C-alpha atoms as a PDB file:
ATOM      1  CA  ALA A   1      13.081  26.240  12.396  1.00  0.00           C
ATOM      2  CA  GLU A   2      11.722  23.666   9.975  1.00  0.00           C
ATOM      3  CA  PRO A   3       9.005  21.293  11.206  1.00  0.00           C
ATOM      4  CA  ASP A   4       9.818  17.589  11.158  1.00  0.00           C
ATOM      5  CA  THR A   5       7.828  15.687   8.548  1.00  0.00           C
ATOM      6  CA  ASP A   6       7.065  12.882  11.006  1.00  0.00           C
ATOM      7  CA  GLU A   7       5.836  15.340  13.629  1.00  0.00           C
ATOM      8  CA  VAL A   8       3.628  17.174  11.138  1.00  0.00           C
ATOM      9  CA  PHE A   9       2.263  13.865   9.841  1.00  0.00           C
ATOM     10  CA  ALA A  10       1.459  12.791  13.396  1.00  0.00           C
ATOM     11  CA  GLN A  11      -0.386  16.050  14.036  1.00  0.00           C
ATOM     12  CA  MET A  12      -2.379  15.730  10.816  1.00  0.00           C
ATOM     13  CA  THR A  13      -3.267  12.177  11.800  1.00  0.00           C
ATOM     14  CA  LEU A  14      -4.597  13.377  15.152  1.00  0.00           C
ATOM     15  CA  VAL A  15      -6.609  16.114  13.451  1.00  0.00           C
ATOM     16  CA  ALA A  16      -7.997  13.643  10.908  1.00  0.00           C
ATOM     17  CA  ASP A  17      -8.951  11.295  13.736  1.00  0.00           C
ATOM     18  CA  ALA A  18     -10.658  14.160  15.578  1.00  0.00           C
ATOM     19  CA  ASN A  19     -12.789  15.041  12.560  1.00  0.00           C
END
C-alpha cells in the first residue's frame, strides 16, 4: 500500500505546526 502524497504532506504539515 503506497501512501498518498497529499495525505503524507498533510501529516508533515501537522507535525511542522506542532514543532
